[in-house]
C-alpha atoms as a PDB file:
ATOM      1  CA  MET A   1      65.627  75.796  96.525  1.00  0.00           C
ATOM      2  CA  ASN A   2      62.762  73.279  96.360  1.00  0.00           C
ATOM      3  CA  ARG A   3      63.671  70.068  94.901  1.00  0.00           C
ATOM      4  CA  ARG A   4      61.093  67.418  93.735  1.00  0.00           C
ATOM      5  CA  HIS A   5      62.159  63.905  93.555  1.00  0.00           C
ATOM      6  CA  HIS A   6      60.482  61.898  90.948  1.00  0.00           C
ATOM      7  CA  PRO A   7      60.942  58.170  90.947  1.00  0.00           C
ATOM      8  CA  VAL A   8      62.570  56.672  87.908  1.00  0.00           C
ATOM      9  CA  THR A   9      62.872  53.065  86.508  1.00  0.00           C
ATOM     10  CA  LEU A  10      66.336  51.384  86.362  1.00  0.00           C
ATOM     11  CA  LEU A  11      66.144  51.527  82.651  1.00  0.00           C
ATOM     12  CA  GLN A  12      65.532  55.372  82.713  1.00  0.00           C
ATOM     13  CA  ALA A  13      68.391  55.787  85.106  1.00  0.00           C
ATOM     14  CA  THR A  14      70.720  53.991  82.999  1.00  0.00           C
ATOM     15  CA  GLN A  15      69.836  55.684  79.907  1.00  0.00           C
ATOM     16  CA  ASP A  16      70.346  59.202  81.464  1.00  0.00           C
ATOM     17  CA  SER A  17      73.761  58.078  82.950  1.00  0.00           C
ATOM     18  CA  PRO A  18      76.633  57.173  80.791  1.00  0.00           C
ATOM     19  CA  THR A  19      78.265  55.554  83.581  1.00  0.00           C
ATOM     20  CA  LEU A  20      75.410  53.453  84.548  1.00  0.00           C
ATOM     21  CA  ALA A  21      74.829  52.627  80.834  1.00  0.00           C
ATOM     22  CA  ARG A  22      78.284  51.537  80.512  1.00  0.00           C
ATOM     23  CA  LEU A  23      77.948  49.319  83.562  1.00  0.00           C
ATOM     24  CA  THR A  24      74.858  47.763  82.223  1.00  0.00           C
ATOM     25  CA  GLU A  25      76.415  46.991  78.775  1.00  0.00           C
ATOM     26  CA  LEU A  26      79.356  45.366  80.689  1.00  0.00           C
ATOM     27  CA  THR A  27      76.942  43.288  82.779  1.00  0.00           C
ATOM     28  CA  ARG A  28      75.174  42.199  80.017  1.00  0.00           C
ATOM     29  CA  ASP A  29      78.211  41.289  78.004  1.00  0.00           C
ATOM     30  CA  SER A  30      79.652  39.244  81.001  1.00  0.00           C
ATOM     31  CA  SER A  31      76.362  37.341  81.226  1.00  0.00           C
ATOM     32  CA  ALA A  32      76.353  36.748  77.495  1.00  0.00           C
ATOM     33  CA  ARG A  33      79.940  35.366  77.818  1.00  0.00           C
ATOM     34  CA  LEU A  34      78.928  32.812  80.524  1.00  0.00           C
ATOM     35  CA  LYS A  35      76.078  31.781  78.614  1.00  0.00           C
ATOM     36  CA  ALA A  36      78.319  31.108  75.548  1.00  0.00           C
ATOM     37  CA  ILE A  37      80.629  28.858  77.512  1.00  0.00           C
ATOM     38  CA  GLU A  38      78.256  27.072  79.610  1.00  0.00           C
ATOM     39  CA  PRO A  39      78.104  24.091  77.375  1.00  0.00           C
ATOM     40  CA  LEU A  40      81.807  23.596  77.730  1.00  0.00           C
ATOM     41  CA  ILE A  41      81.713  23.416  81.345  1.00  0.00           C
ATOM     42  CA  PRO A  42      80.837  20.243  83.174  1.00  0.00           C
ATOM     43  CA  GLY A  43      77.263  20.226  84.546  1.00  0.00           C
ATOM     44  CA  PRO A  44      78.068  19.878  88.175  1.00  0.00           C
ATOM     45  CA  LEU A  45      80.432  22.866  87.995  1.00  0.00           C
ATOM     46  CA  ARG A  46      77.844  25.162  86.375  1.00  0.00           C
ATOM     47  CA  PRO A  47      75.882  26.310  89.506  1.00  0.00           C
ATOM     48  CA  ALA A  48      79.326  27.209  91.227  1.00  0.00           C
ATOM     49  CA  ILE A  49      80.260  29.844  88.618  1.00  0.00           C
ATOM     50  CA  GLN A  50      79.015  33.331  88.111  1.00  0.00           C
ATOM     51  CA  ALA A  51      79.732  36.022  85.538  1.00  0.00           C
ATOM     52  CA  GLY A  52      82.198  38.698  86.833  1.00  0.00           C
ATOM     53  CA  PRO A  53      83.668  41.977  85.853  1.00  0.00           C
ATOM     54  CA  ILE A  54      85.219  42.706  82.517  1.00  0.00           C
ATOM     55  CA  ASP A  55      88.553  44.702  82.506  1.00  0.00           C
ATOM     56  CA  GLY A  56      89.638  45.370  78.981  1.00  0.00           C
ATOM     57  CA  SER A  57      90.508  42.083  77.370  1.00  0.00           C
ATOM     58  CA  VAL A  58      90.467  40.168  80.701  1.00  0.00           C
ATOM     59  CA  TRP A  59      87.271  38.501  81.920  1.00  0.00           C
ATOM     60  CA  CYS A  60      86.560  37.385  85.642  1.00  0.00           C
ATOM     61  CA  LEU A  61      84.590  34.469  86.543  1.00  0.00           C
ATOM     62  CA  ILE A  62      83.409  34.280  90.273  1.00  0.00           C
ATOM     63  CA  VAL A  63      83.650  30.696  91.607  1.00  0.00           C
ATOM     64  CA  SER A  64      82.161  29.248  94.853  1.00  0.00           C
ATOM     65  CA  SER A  65      85.332  27.342  95.968  1.00  0.00           C
ATOM     66  CA  ASN A  66      89.054  26.751  95.606  1.00  0.00           C
ATOM     67  CA  ALA A  67      88.067  23.269  94.352  1.00  0.00           C
ATOM     68  CA  VAL A  68      85.875  24.730  91.612  1.00  0.00           C
ATOM     69  CA  ALA A  69      88.674  27.083  90.560  1.00  0.00           C
ATOM     70  CA  ALA A  70      91.058  24.255  90.407  1.00  0.00           C
ATOM     71  CA  LYS A  71      88.984  22.278  88.204  1.00  0.00           C
ATOM     72  CA  LEU A  72      87.880  25.170  86.012  1.00  0.00           C
ATOM     73  CA  ARG A  73      91.604  26.093  85.380  1.00  0.00           C
ATOM     74  CA  GLN A  74      91.906  22.966  83.279  1.00  0.00           C
ATOM     75  CA  PHE A  75      89.337  24.397  80.878  1.00  0.00           C
ATOM     76  CA  LEU A  76      90.602  27.993  80.616  1.00  0.00           C
ATOM     77  CA  PRO A  77      92.362  27.612  77.404  1.00  0.00           C
ATOM     78  CA  ALA A  78      89.396  26.146  75.571  1.00  0.00           C
ATOM     79  CA  LEU A  79      86.939  28.595  77.087  1.00  0.00           C
ATOM     80  CA  GLU A  80      89.076  31.477  76.102  1.00  0.00           C
ATOM     81  CA  ALA A  81      89.626  30.057  72.516  1.00  0.00           C
ATOM     82  CA  HIS A  82      85.832  29.530  72.230  1.00  0.00           C
ATOM     83  CA  LEU A  83      85.037  33.269  73.312  1.00  0.00           C
ATOM     84  CA  ARG A  84      87.541  34.381  70.649  1.00  0.00           C
ATOM     85  CA  THR A  85      85.783  32.279  67.807  1.00  0.00           C
ATOM     86  CA  LYS A  86      82.473  34.020  68.905  1.00  0.00           C
ATOM     87  CA  GLY A  87      84.010  37.345  68.352  1.00  0.00           C
ATOM     88  CA  TRP A  88      85.021  38.595  71.925  1.00  0.00           C
ATOM     89  CA  GLU A  89      88.651  40.141  72.215  1.00  0.00           C
ATOM     90  CA  ILE A  90      89.757  38.086  75.120  1.00  0.00           C
ATOM     91  CA  THR A  91      93.368  37.565  76.404  1.00  0.00           C
ATOM     92  CA  SER A  92      92.663  35.696  79.538  1.00  0.00           C
ATOM     93  CA  ILE A  93      89.864  34.569  82.155  1.00  0.00           C
ATOM     94  CA  ARG A  94      90.576  35.286  85.778  1.00  0.00           C
ATOM     95  CA  LEU A  95      89.245  33.270  88.475  1.00  0.00           C
ATOM     96  CA  LYS A  96      88.032  34.842  91.775  1.00  0.00           C
ATOM     97  CA  VAL A  97      86.943  32.754  94.673  1.00  0.00           C
ATOM     98  CA  GLN A  98      83.806  34.176  96.429  1.00  0.00           C
ATOM     99  CA  ILE A  99      84.043  33.156  99.996  1.00  0.00           C
ATOM    100  CA  SER A 100      80.626  32.549 101.669  1.00  0.00           C
ATOM    101  CA  ARG A 101      79.899  34.712 104.616  1.00  0.00           C
ATOM    102  CA  ASP A 102      77.352  32.290 106.286  1.00  0.00           C
ATOM    103  CA  ARG A 103      80.115  29.800 107.344  1.00  0.00           C
END
C-alpha cells in the first residue's frame, strides 16, 4: 500500500475530526470566559492567570502561584455569578497552580 501524506492546516484538521473540533470549541469557550471576567480581576493578577479546561459545568483557571490562587479565591463567587449572567452554565471555578519548571 502506497500512502501519500498531504499537509493540512490546523483548521482543516479540526474540521475533519469531531474530537479536534470539540477541543477547539472548548478552548475558544475557555478563552472567552477568561476575557469576560478579566475586568473583575485586579490588574496585577491578570498576567498570572490563564484559561484552563472546561469539564461540564466546572471551569479551571491556571494560576502561576499559591499566592495568586489565595487572592483569586476571594473573587470566585463574583466571577461565577458574572459568568452565569453572561449565559454560561457554571457551577464552580477550580484553580490549579502551574509550577514553573525553570526554578
